[in-house]
Protein backbone atom coordinates (compact mmCIF):
# COMPACT_ATOMS: atom_id res chain seq x y z
CA MET A 1 0.18 0.23 0.11
CA GLU A 2 1.27 3.77 -1.12
CA THR A 3 1.36 6.12 1.68
CA ARG A 4 0.58 9.74 0.30
CA ALA A 5 1.85 13.07 2.12
CA CYS A 6 -0.68 15.82 3.11
CA LEU A 7 0.29 18.50 0.39
CA GLU A 8 0.61 21.41 2.97
CA CYS A 9 2.09 19.55 5.89
CA GLY A 10 3.21 16.06 4.58
CA GLU A 11 1.65 14.11 7.37
CA ALA A 12 0.77 10.94 6.05
CA VAL A 13 -3.29 11.36 4.84
CA LYS A 14 -5.24 8.23 5.43
CA GLY A 15 -9.28 7.78 3.56
CA ARG A 16 -9.86 7.53 0.07
CA ILE A 17 -7.12 7.14 -2.86
CA ASP A 18 -7.71 10.60 -4.17
CA LYS A 19 -7.47 12.48 -0.88
CA LYS A 20 -4.75 14.82 -1.11
CA PHE A 21 -4.69 16.29 2.31
CA CYS A 22 -4.78 15.07 6.18
CA SER A 23 -7.05 17.44 7.26
CA ASP A 24 -10.10 20.26 6.63
CA TYR A 25 -7.74 23.05 8.08
CA CYS A 26 -4.72 22.14 5.53
CA ARG A 27 -6.90 21.97 2.56
CA ASN A 28 -8.16 25.63 3.49
CA SER A 29 -4.43 26.64 4.18
CA TYR A 30 -3.12 25.21 0.82
CA ASN A 31 -5.75 26.94 -1.64
CA ASN A 32 -5.14 29.86 0.63
CA LYS A 33 -1.82 30.20 -0.69
CA VAL A 34 -2.72 28.97 -3.63
CA ASN A 35 -4.76 31.44 -4.45
CA LYS A 36 -3.49 34.47 -2.27
CA ASP A 37 -2.63 36.75 -5.77
CA SER A 38 -6.08 36.52 -7.16
CA LYS A 39 -7.78 37.53 -3.76
CA ASN A 40 -5.53 40.50 -2.86
CA LEU A 41 -6.14 41.42 -6.31
CA ILE A 42 -10.09 41.44 -6.16
CA ARG A 43 -10.20 42.66 -2.41
CA ASN A 44 -8.04 45.63 -3.63
CA ILE A 45 -10.70 46.52 -6.46
CA ASN A 46 -13.99 46.27 -3.84
CA ASN A 47 -12.00 48.77 -1.27
CA ARG A 48 -11.28 50.74 -3.76
CA LEU A 49 -15.20 50.35 -5.25
CA ARG A 50 -16.22 50.70 -1.33
CA LYS A 51 -14.19 54.03 -1.42
CA ASN A 52 -15.65 55.26 -4.79
CA TYR A 53 -19.35 54.50 -2.86
CA LYS A 54 -18.81 55.87 -0.20
CA ILE A 55 -17.51 59.60 -1.77
CA LEU A 56 -20.42 59.74 -4.12
CA SER A 57 -23.34 58.51 -1.13
CA GLU A 58 -22.00 60.92 1.18
CA LEU A 59 -22.00 63.90 -1.34
CA ASN A 60 -25.28 63.04 -2.70
CA THR A 61 -27.86 63.16 0.23
CA LYS A 62 -30.65 64.81 -1.91
CA GLY A 63 -31.03 62.06 -4.34
CA LYS A 64 -29.54 64.38 -7.54
CA THR A 65 -26.27 66.51 -6.61
CA LYS A 66 -24.25 68.99 -8.57
CA VAL A 67 -20.13 68.81 -7.57
CA SER A 68 -16.76 69.64 -9.00
CA ARG A 69 -14.33 67.50 -10.27
CA THR A 70 -11.74 68.88 -7.56
CA ARG A 71 -14.09 68.19 -4.83
CA LEU A 72 -14.46 64.59 -5.70
CA TYR A 73 -10.66 64.08 -6.46
CA ASP A 74 -9.80 65.95 -3.34
CA LYS A 75 -12.06 63.00 -1.29
CA GLY A 76 -9.75 60.29 -3.06
CA PHE A 77 -12.18 59.49 -5.63
CA ASP A 78 -10.91 57.07 -8.67
CA PHE A 79 -12.58 57.90 -12.08
CA GLN A 80 -11.15 54.38 -13.40
CA LEU A 81 -13.13 52.28 -11.18
CA PHE A 82 -16.90 52.09 -11.81
CA THR A 83 -19.52 48.84 -11.60
CA SER A 84 -21.87 49.57 -15.01
CA LEU A 85 -22.19 52.51 -17.57
CA TYR A 86 -25.50 53.61 -19.55
CA THR A 87 -25.37 55.45 -22.25
CA THR A 88 -29.08 57.51 -23.10
CA ARG A 89 -30.36 58.14 -26.85
CA ALA A 90 -29.13 61.51 -26.68
CA GLY A 91 -25.52 60.01 -25.83
CA SER A 92 -24.79 60.98 -22.38
CA THR A 93 -23.15 58.37 -20.48
CA TYR A 94 -23.39 57.84 -17.27
CA PHE A 95 -21.21 55.79 -14.66
CA TYR A 96 -22.42 53.74 -12.04
CA VAL A 97 -20.50 52.77 -8.73
CA TYR A 98 -23.56 50.15 -7.73
CA ASN A 99 -26.61 52.70 -7.67
CA GLU A 100 -24.77 55.40 -6.84
CA GLY A 101 -24.08 57.27 -10.42
CA TYR A 102 -22.22 60.57 -11.79
CA LEU A 103 -22.29 62.21 -15.55
CA ALA A 104 -19.85 64.63 -16.32
CA LEU A 105 -21.38 68.21 -16.99
CA GLU A 106 -19.48 71.19 -18.65
CA ASN A 107 -16.86 73.28 -16.55
CA GLU A 108 -15.35 70.21 -14.83
CA MET A 109 -18.64 69.37 -12.83
CA TYR A 110 -20.51 66.30 -12.33
CA LEU A 111 -23.97 65.34 -11.95
CA LEU A 112 -24.29 62.88 -9.04
CA ILE A 113 -27.29 60.35 -9.28
CA ARG A 114 -28.94 57.85 -7.11
CA LYS A 115 -30.68 55.15 -8.98
CA GLU A 116 -33.72 54.04 -7.16
CA SER A 117 -34.15 50.15 -6.83
């Protein structure tokens, strides 16, 4: 009978022939190490989206507000990150971070809007 070693800790693995780990702890630990880079990327993007959402919702208390680009930028808003786009028939493009949106206006002003569910 062939003895198999746990991929995480090296202990002997008992049980099914295709079993790779000695415990759930070792399985989870191994998979967390393997997926570390992709999880960090996703976590960082989600944190930046959350920050954008917080900025938009703090500035847009009435559901529709005009603010300057400078004000958004000073609060740390990242114009490169948004969750969806909506283009009207007239050709205006609204950028959304979940249900909080913004539209570029003239003179570096932005219209902040909230999409009600």
